[in-house]
Amino acid sequence: MEEKEKKAIELFRSGLNCAQAVLTAYSDELKVDKKYTAAVACGFGGGMGRLQGTCGAVTGSYMVLGIFNSNLIPDNDVSKDESYSMIQKFSEKFISMNGSIDCKSLLKCEIKSAEGRKWAKENKIFETVCEKCIVDSVKIIEELIS
């Protein structure tokens, strides 16, 4: 496992959600405070507030790509266009690797309720599915920004 992937998994295992783990793994490179990245991405875990929409690792990646482009390109219109293009490429690649960007489809269980989260924890869904999504997200980001 590459260094950035390890860092994101460590952050996830330390208690950050999937979106926070991906975004915060890039905080130094993006020159953004770790507390700020964790705060910004706080509500995006579990497919945005455990609503199980777009996977948190994916939305965290979208944030990374947006900040990356805004740091490189001072022109907002060009920065947005570049971000949109990278996000579209990211999504295509993530779907090809995982079948979906939808948290509920990826986890194949409901995590909005305490019972659902308990089942997911007992069945190691967060360790298997979520950690794979985090690692895949970092791999794709690295491909796109290199």
N, C-alpha and C. Protein backbone atom coordinates (compact mmCIF):
# COMPACT_ATOMS: atom_id res chain seq x y z
N MET A 1 0.84 -1.18 0.00
CA MET A 1 0.00 0.00 0.00
C MET A 1 0.89 1.25 0.00
N GLU A 2 0.54 2.20 -0.82
CA GLU A 2 1.32 3.44 -0.92
C GLU A 2 1.10 4.31 0.33
N GLU A 3 2.00 5.26 0.52
CA GLU A 3 1.99 6.11 1.72
C GLU A 3 0.67 6.88 1.91
N LYS A 4 0.17 7.49 0.85
CA LYS A 4 -1.06 8.28 0.95
C LYS A 4 -2.25 7.38 1.29
N GLU A 5 -2.28 6.17 0.71
CA GLU A 5 -3.35 5.21 1.01
C GLU A 5 -3.30 4.81 2.48
N LYS A 6 -2.09 4.53 2.99
CA LYS A 6 -1.90 4.17 4.39
C LYS A 6 -2.38 5.29 5.30
N LYS A 7 -2.03 6.51 4.94
CA LYS A 7 -2.41 7.67 5.74
C LYS A 7 -3.93 7.79 5.81
N ALA A 8 -4.60 7.63 4.68
CA ALA A 8 -6.07 7.73 4.65
C ALA A 8 -6.71 6.63 5.49
N ILE A 9 -6.20 5.41 5.40
CA ILE A 9 -6.74 4.29 6.19
C ILE A 9 -6.50 4.52 7.68
N GLU A 10 -5.31 5.01 8.04
CA GLU A 10 -5.03 5.33 9.45
C GLU A 10 -6.01 6.37 9.98
N LEU A 11 -6.27 7.38 9.19
CA LEU A 11 -7.22 8.42 9.60
C LEU A 11 -8.63 7.85 9.77
N PHE A 12 -9.03 6.97 8.85
CA PHE A 12 -10.34 6.32 8.94
C PHE A 12 -10.43 5.46 10.21
N ARG A 13 -9.40 4.69 10.45
CA ARG A 13 -9.38 3.81 11.62
C ARG A 13 -9.30 4.59 12.93
N SER A 14 -8.80 5.83 12.86
CA SER A 14 -8.71 6.66 14.07
C SER A 14 -10.05 7.31 14.43
N GLY A 15 -11.04 7.16 13.55
CA GLY A 15 -12.36 7.69 13.88
C GLY A 15 -12.92 8.69 12.88
N LEU A 16 -12.12 9.13 11.91
CA LEU A 16 -12.66 10.02 10.89
C LEU A 16 -13.56 9.22 9.96
N ASN A 17 -14.55 9.88 9.38
CA ASN A 17 -15.38 9.17 8.40
C ASN A 17 -14.62 9.08 7.07
N CYS A 18 -15.20 8.40 6.12
CA CYS A 18 -14.52 8.14 4.84
C CYS A 18 -14.18 9.42 4.09
N ALA A 19 -15.09 10.38 4.07
CA ALA A 19 -14.84 11.65 3.38
C ALA A 19 -13.72 12.42 4.08
N GLN A 20 -13.78 12.47 5.41
CA GLN A 20 -12.75 13.16 6.18
C GLN A 20 -11.39 12.51 5.97
N ALA A 21 -11.36 11.18 5.95
CA ALA A 21 -10.09 10.46 5.81
C ALA A 21 -9.42 10.77 4.48
N VAL A 22 -10.19 10.77 3.40
CA VAL A 22 -9.60 11.05 2.08
C VAL A 22 -9.14 12.50 2.01
N LEU A 23 -10.00 13.44 2.37
CA LEU A 23 -9.63 14.86 2.27
C LEU A 23 -8.46 15.19 3.20
N THR A 24 -8.49 14.71 4.43
CA THR A 24 -7.45 15.04 5.39
C THR A 24 -6.11 14.40 5.02
N ALA A 25 -6.14 13.26 4.35
CA ALA A 25 -4.89 12.64 3.88
C ALA A 25 -4.13 13.56 2.93
N TYR A 26 -4.85 14.48 2.29
CA TYR A 26 -4.23 15.41 1.34
C TYR A 26 -4.03 16.81 1.92
N SER A 27 -4.33 17.01 3.20
CA SER A 27 -4.28 18.36 3.76
C SER A 27 -2.91 19.02 3.63
N ASP A 28 -1.84 18.30 3.90
CA ASP A 28 -0.50 18.89 3.78
C ASP A 28 -0.21 19.29 2.34
N GLU A 29 -0.45 18.37 1.42
CA GLU A 29 -0.19 18.63 0.01
C GLU A 29 -1.02 19.81 -0.52
N LEU A 30 -2.26 19.93 -0.03
CA LEU A 30 -3.15 21.00 -0.49
C LEU A 30 -2.97 22.30 0.29
N LYS A 31 -2.12 22.22 1.33
CA LYS A 31 -1.86 23.38 2.19
C LYS A 31 -3.14 23.88 2.87
N VAL A 32 -3.88 22.90 3.43
CA VAL A 32 -5.11 23.19 4.15
C VAL A 32 -5.00 22.55 5.54
N ASP A 33 -5.40 23.27 6.56
CA ASP A 33 -5.33 22.79 7.93
C ASP A 33 -6.14 21.51 8.13
N LYS A 34 -5.57 20.52 8.83
CA LYS A 34 -6.22 19.23 9.07
C LYS A 34 -7.54 19.38 9.82
N LYS A 35 -7.57 20.28 10.79
CA LYS A 35 -8.83 20.50 11.54
C LYS A 35 -9.90 21.03 10.61
N TYR A 36 -9.50 21.87 9.67
CA TYR A 36 -10.45 22.44 8.72
C TYR A 36 -10.98 21.37 7.76
N THR A 37 -10.09 20.52 7.24
CA THR A 37 -10.55 19.47 6.32
C THR A 37 -11.48 18.50 7.03
N ALA A 38 -11.15 18.15 8.28
CA ALA A 38 -12.02 17.25 9.04
C ALA A 38 -13.38 17.90 9.30
N ALA A 39 -13.38 19.21 9.57
CA ALA A 39 -14.64 19.90 9.82
C ALA A 39 -15.49 20.01 8.55
N VAL A 40 -14.86 20.37 7.44
CA VAL A 40 -15.59 20.53 6.18
C VAL A 40 -16.24 19.22 5.74
N ALA A 41 -15.52 18.12 5.89
CA ALA A 41 -16.00 16.82 5.40
C ALA A 41 -16.83 16.06 6.44
N CYS A 42 -17.02 16.62 7.61
CA CYS A 42 -17.68 15.93 8.71
C CYS A 42 -19.04 15.33 8.33
N GLY A 43 -19.87 16.06 7.64
CA GLY A 43 -21.21 15.59 7.33
C GLY A 43 -21.33 14.71 6.09
N PHE A 44 -20.20 14.42 5.44
CA PHE A 44 -20.25 13.70 4.17
C PHE A 44 -20.07 12.19 4.30
N GLY A 45 -19.79 11.69 5.49
CA GLY A 45 -19.62 10.25 5.68
C GLY A 45 -20.93 9.50 5.54
N GLY A 46 -20.82 8.22 5.23
CA GLY A 46 -22.03 7.39 5.10
C GLY A 46 -22.91 7.84 3.95
N GLY A 47 -22.29 8.34 2.91
CA GLY A 47 -23.08 8.79 1.76
C GLY A 47 -23.84 10.07 2.07
N MET A 48 -23.20 10.98 2.77
CA MET A 48 -23.71 12.27 3.18
C MET A 48 -24.72 12.13 4.33
N GLY A 49 -24.21 12.24 5.53
CA GLY A 49 -25.05 12.19 6.71
C GLY A 49 -25.72 10.85 6.92
N ARG A 50 -25.08 9.79 6.50
CA ARG A 50 -25.61 8.42 6.56
C ARG A 50 -26.90 8.26 5.75
N LEU A 51 -27.12 9.15 4.80
CA LEU A 51 -28.27 9.00 3.91
C LEU A 51 -27.97 8.00 2.80
N GLN A 52 -26.72 7.60 2.71
CA GLN A 52 -26.24 6.59 1.77
C GLN A 52 -26.45 6.97 0.32
N GLY A 53 -26.20 8.26 0.04
CA GLY A 53 -26.16 8.72 -1.35
C GLY A 53 -24.75 8.48 -1.87
N THR A 54 -24.13 9.51 -2.42
CA THR A 54 -22.78 9.36 -2.96
C THR A 54 -21.81 9.01 -1.83
N CYS A 55 -21.02 7.97 -2.06
CA CYS A 55 -20.03 7.46 -1.10
C CYS A 55 -19.16 8.61 -0.57
N GLY A 56 -18.92 8.59 0.73
CA GLY A 56 -18.10 9.63 1.35
C GLY A 56 -16.67 9.67 0.84
N ALA A 57 -16.10 8.51 0.54
CA ALA A 57 -14.74 8.50 -0.03
C ALA A 57 -14.73 9.22 -1.37
N VAL A 58 -15.82 9.08 -2.10
CA VAL A 58 -15.96 9.75 -3.39
C VAL A 58 -16.12 11.26 -3.20
N THR A 59 -17.00 11.68 -2.30
CA THR A 59 -17.19 13.12 -2.10
C THR A 59 -15.94 13.76 -1.51
N GLY A 60 -15.23 13.04 -0.65
CA GLY A 60 -13.96 13.55 -0.14
C GLY A 60 -12.97 13.74 -1.27
N SER A 61 -12.98 12.81 -2.22
CA SER A 61 -12.10 12.91 -3.40
C SER A 61 -12.48 14.10 -4.26
N TYR A 62 -13.76 14.34 -4.42
CA TYR A 62 -14.21 15.50 -5.20
C TYR A 62 -13.68 16.79 -4.57
N MET A 63 -13.70 16.84 -3.22
CA MET A 63 -13.17 18.02 -2.53
C MET A 63 -11.68 18.17 -2.78
N VAL A 64 -10.95 17.06 -2.71
CA VAL A 64 -9.50 17.09 -2.98
C VAL A 64 -9.25 17.67 -4.37
N LEU A 65 -9.96 17.15 -5.35
CA LEU A 65 -9.76 17.61 -6.74
C LEU A 65 -10.11 19.08 -6.91
N GLY A 66 -11.17 19.52 -6.26
CA GLY A 66 -11.56 20.93 -6.32
C GLY A 66 -10.50 21.85 -5.73
N ILE A 67 -10.00 21.49 -4.55
CA ILE A 67 -8.96 22.30 -3.91
C ILE A 67 -7.67 22.24 -4.73
N PHE A 68 -7.32 21.05 -5.20
CA PHE A 68 -6.12 20.89 -6.02
C PHE A 68 -6.16 21.85 -7.21
N ASN A 69 -7.26 21.86 -7.92
CA ASN A 69 -7.36 22.74 -9.09
C ASN A 69 -7.43 24.21 -8.72
N SER A 70 -8.09 24.54 -7.63
CA SER A 70 -8.16 25.95 -7.25
C SER A 70 -6.81 26.48 -6.79
N ASN A 71 -5.97 25.59 -6.25
CA ASN A 71 -4.61 26.00 -5.85
C ASN A 71 -3.71 26.19 -7.07
N LEU A 72 -3.97 25.43 -8.13
CA LEU A 72 -3.13 25.50 -9.33
C LEU A 72 -3.56 26.59 -10.30
N ILE A 73 -4.88 26.80 -10.37
CA ILE A 73 -5.43 27.68 -11.41
C ILE A 73 -6.20 28.82 -10.75
N PRO A 74 -5.65 30.02 -10.74
CA PRO A 74 -6.32 31.13 -10.06
C PRO A 74 -7.62 31.58 -10.74
N ASP A 75 -7.77 31.29 -12.02
CA ASP A 75 -8.99 31.66 -12.75
C ASP A 75 -10.10 30.69 -12.36
N ASN A 76 -11.15 31.20 -11.73
CA ASN A 76 -12.21 30.34 -11.21
C ASN A 76 -12.92 29.54 -12.29
N ASP A 77 -13.19 30.13 -13.44
CA ASP A 77 -13.89 29.41 -14.51
C ASP A 77 -13.06 28.23 -15.02
N VAL A 78 -11.77 28.46 -15.22
CA VAL A 78 -10.89 27.39 -15.70
C VAL A 78 -10.74 26.33 -14.60
N SER A 79 -10.59 26.78 -13.36
CA SER A 79 -10.47 25.86 -12.23
C SER A 79 -11.70 24.97 -12.12
N LYS A 80 -12.90 25.57 -12.26
CA LYS A 80 -14.14 24.77 -12.21
C LYS A 80 -14.20 23.77 -13.34
N ASP A 81 -13.89 24.21 -14.55
CA ASP A 81 -13.92 23.30 -15.71
C ASP A 81 -12.96 22.13 -15.51
N GLU A 82 -11.76 22.43 -15.03
CA GLU A 82 -10.77 21.39 -14.80
C GLU A 82 -11.24 20.43 -13.70
N SER A 83 -11.83 20.99 -12.64
CA SER A 83 -12.36 20.16 -11.55
C SER A 83 -13.47 19.26 -12.05
N TYR A 84 -14.40 19.81 -12.81
CA TYR A 84 -15.52 19.01 -13.34
C TYR A 84 -15.00 17.87 -14.21
N SER A 85 -14.03 18.15 -15.03
CA SER A 85 -13.46 17.13 -15.90
C SER A 85 -12.81 16.01 -15.07
N MET A 86 -12.03 16.40 -14.07
CA MET A 86 -11.36 15.40 -13.24
C MET A 86 -12.37 14.59 -12.42
N ILE A 87 -13.41 15.25 -11.92
CA ILE A 87 -14.44 14.56 -11.15
C ILE A 87 -15.17 13.55 -12.03
N GLN A 88 -15.44 13.92 -13.26
CA GLN A 88 -16.10 12.98 -14.18
C GLN A 88 -15.20 11.78 -14.45
N LYS A 89 -13.92 12.02 -14.68
CA LYS A 89 -12.97 10.92 -14.90
C LYS A 89 -12.84 10.06 -13.64
N PHE A 90 -12.78 10.72 -12.49
CA PHE A 90 -12.71 10.00 -11.23
C PHE A 90 -13.91 9.06 -11.09
N SER A 91 -15.10 9.59 -11.31
CA SER A 91 -16.33 8.81 -11.15
C SER A 91 -16.37 7.61 -12.08
N GLU A 92 -15.99 7.81 -13.33
CA GLU A 92 -15.96 6.70 -14.29
C GLU A 92 -15.03 5.60 -13.80
N LYS A 93 -13.85 5.98 -13.34
CA LYS A 93 -12.86 5.00 -12.87
C LYS A 93 -13.35 4.29 -11.61
N PHE A 94 -13.91 5.05 -10.68
CA PHE A 94 -14.40 4.47 -9.42
C PHE A 94 -15.52 3.47 -9.70
N ILE A 95 -16.43 3.83 -10.59
CA ILE A 95 -17.52 2.92 -10.94
C ILE A 95 -16.98 1.67 -11.61
N SER A 96 -15.98 1.81 -12.47
CA SER A 96 -15.40 0.64 -13.12
C SER A 96 -14.75 -0.30 -12.10
N MET A 97 -14.25 0.26 -11.01
CA MET A 97 -13.58 -0.54 -9.98
C MET A 97 -14.56 -1.12 -8.95
N ASN A 98 -15.66 -0.41 -8.71
CA ASN A 98 -16.55 -0.77 -7.59
C ASN A 98 -18.01 -1.00 -7.99
N GLY A 99 -18.37 -0.68 -9.22
CA GLY A 99 -19.73 -0.91 -9.67
C GLY A 99 -20.70 0.22 -9.42
N SER A 100 -20.34 1.17 -8.56
CA SER A 100 -21.25 2.26 -8.20
C SER A 100 -20.47 3.33 -7.43
N ILE A 101 -21.05 4.51 -7.33
CA ILE A 101 -20.54 5.52 -6.39
C ILE A 101 -21.55 5.73 -5.27
N ASP A 102 -22.60 4.93 -5.24
CA ASP A 102 -23.69 5.03 -4.28
C ASP A 102 -23.39 4.19 -3.04
N CYS A 103 -23.33 4.83 -1.88
CA CYS A 103 -22.98 4.16 -0.63
C CYS A 103 -23.86 2.94 -0.36
N LYS A 104 -25.15 3.07 -0.52
CA LYS A 104 -26.05 1.95 -0.21
C LYS A 104 -25.77 0.76 -1.14
N SER A 105 -25.51 1.02 -2.40
CA SER A 105 -25.18 -0.05 -3.34
C SER A 105 -23.84 -0.69 -3.00
N LEU A 106 -22.89 0.11 -2.57
CA LEU A 106 -21.56 -0.40 -2.22
C LEU A 106 -21.61 -1.25 -0.96
N LEU A 107 -22.30 -0.76 0.07
CA LEU A 107 -22.34 -1.46 1.36
C LEU A 107 -23.31 -2.64 1.37
N LYS A 108 -24.34 -2.55 0.55
CA LYS A 108 -25.38 -3.58 0.50
C LYS A 108 -26.04 -3.79 1.87
N CYS A 109 -26.13 -2.71 2.60
CA CYS A 109 -26.85 -2.71 3.88
C CYS A 109 -27.22 -1.27 4.22
N GLU A 110 -28.08 -1.12 5.19
CA GLU A 110 -28.56 0.19 5.61
C GLU A 110 -27.80 0.60 6.88
N ILE A 111 -27.22 1.79 6.89
CA ILE A 111 -26.47 2.22 8.07
C ILE A 111 -27.07 3.45 8.76
N LYS A 112 -28.25 3.84 8.34
CA LYS A 112 -28.89 5.00 8.96
C LYS A 112 -29.32 4.68 10.40
N SER A 113 -29.74 3.46 10.64
CA SER A 113 -30.19 3.07 11.98
C SER A 113 -29.05 2.46 12.78
N ALA A 114 -29.19 2.49 14.10
CA ALA A 114 -28.20 1.87 14.99
C ALA A 114 -28.10 0.37 14.71
N GLU A 115 -29.23 -0.26 14.42
CA GLU A 115 -29.23 -1.70 14.13
C GLU A 115 -28.44 -1.99 12.86
N GLY A 116 -28.64 -1.16 11.84
CA GLY A 116 -27.92 -1.33 10.58
C GLY A 116 -26.43 -1.14 10.74
N ARG A 117 -26.04 -0.12 11.52
CA ARG A 117 -24.61 0.12 11.77
C ARG A 117 -24.00 -1.03 12.58
N LYS A 118 -24.78 -1.55 13.52
CA LYS A 118 -24.30 -2.69 14.32
C LYS A 118 -24.06 -3.89 13.41
N TRP A 119 -25.00 -4.17 12.52
CA TRP A 119 -24.86 -5.28 11.58
C TRP A 119 -23.63 -5.07 10.70
N ALA A 120 -23.48 -3.87 10.19
CA ALA A 120 -22.34 -3.56 9.32
C ALA A 120 -21.02 -3.75 10.07
N LYS A 121 -20.99 -3.31 11.32
CA LYS A 121 -19.77 -3.45 12.13
C LYS A 121 -19.48 -4.93 12.40
N GLU A 122 -20.50 -5.68 12.80
CA GLU A 122 -20.32 -7.11 13.08
C GLU A 122 -19.86 -7.88 11.85
N ASN A 123 -20.27 -7.44 10.69
CA ASN A 123 -19.92 -8.11 9.44
C ASN A 123 -18.72 -7.47 8.73
N LYS A 124 -18.05 -6.59 9.46
CA LYS A 124 -16.81 -5.94 8.99
C LYS A 124 -16.96 -5.23 7.64
N ILE A 125 -18.14 -4.67 7.42
CA ILE A 125 -18.42 -3.94 6.18
C ILE A 125 -17.53 -2.70 6.08
N PHE A 126 -17.33 -2.01 7.19
CA PHE A 126 -16.52 -0.79 7.16
C PHE A 126 -15.06 -1.11 6.85
N GLU A 127 -14.56 -2.23 7.39
CA GLU A 127 -13.18 -2.63 7.12
C GLU A 127 -12.98 -3.12 5.69
N THR A 128 -13.96 -3.81 5.18
CA THR A 128 -13.80 -4.39 3.84
C THR A 128 -14.22 -3.41 2.75
N VAL A 129 -15.45 -3.00 2.77
CA VAL A 129 -15.96 -2.15 1.68
C VAL A 129 -15.45 -0.71 1.79
N CYS A 130 -15.62 -0.09 2.95
CA CYS A 130 -15.25 1.32 3.08
C CYS A 130 -13.74 1.54 2.89
N GLU A 131 -12.95 0.67 3.48
CA GLU A 131 -11.50 0.83 3.32
C GLU A 131 -11.07 0.62 1.88
N LYS A 132 -11.70 -0.30 1.17
CA LYS A 132 -11.40 -0.48 -0.25
C LYS A 132 -11.76 0.78 -1.04
N CYS A 133 -12.91 1.37 -0.73
CA CYS A 133 -13.33 2.59 -1.42
C CYS A 133 -12.36 3.73 -1.16
N ILE A 134 -11.86 3.82 0.07
CA ILE A 134 -10.89 4.86 0.42
C ILE A 134 -9.59 4.65 -0.36
N VAL A 135 -9.08 3.44 -0.36
CA VAL A 135 -7.84 3.13 -1.07
C VAL A 135 -8.01 3.37 -2.57
N ASP A 136 -9.12 2.89 -3.13
CA ASP A 136 -9.37 3.10 -4.56
C ASP A 136 -9.45 4.59 -4.89
N SER A 137 -10.08 5.35 -4.01
CA SER A 137 -10.20 6.80 -4.22
C SER A 137 -8.83 7.46 -4.28
N VAL A 138 -7.97 7.12 -3.34
CA VAL A 138 -6.63 7.70 -3.31
C VAL A 138 -5.85 7.30 -4.58
N LYS A 139 -5.96 6.05 -4.97
CA LYS A 139 -5.27 5.60 -6.20
C LYS A 139 -5.72 6.43 -7.40
N ILE A 140 -7.02 6.66 -7.52
CA ILE A 140 -7.54 7.41 -8.65
C ILE A 140 -7.09 8.86 -8.60
N ILE A 141 -7.16 9.47 -7.41
CA ILE A 141 -6.68 10.85 -7.25
C ILE A 141 -5.23 10.96 -7.70
N GLU A 142 -4.41 10.02 -7.25
CA GLU A 142 -2.98 10.05 -7.59
C GLU A 142 -2.79 9.97 -9.11
N GLU A 143 -3.58 9.13 -9.78
CA GLU A 143 -3.50 9.05 -11.25
C GLU A 143 -3.87 10.39 -11.89
N LEU A 144 -4.91 11.01 -11.36
CA LEU A 144 -5.41 12.24 -11.98
C LEU A 144 -4.52 13.44 -11.74
N ILE A 145 -3.89 13.52 -10.60
CA ILE A 145 -3.09 14.73 -10.30
C ILE A 145 -1.64 14.59 -10.70
N SER A 146 -1.21 13.39 -11.10
CA SER A 146 0.19 13.23 -11.48
C SER A 146 0.44 13.74 -12.88
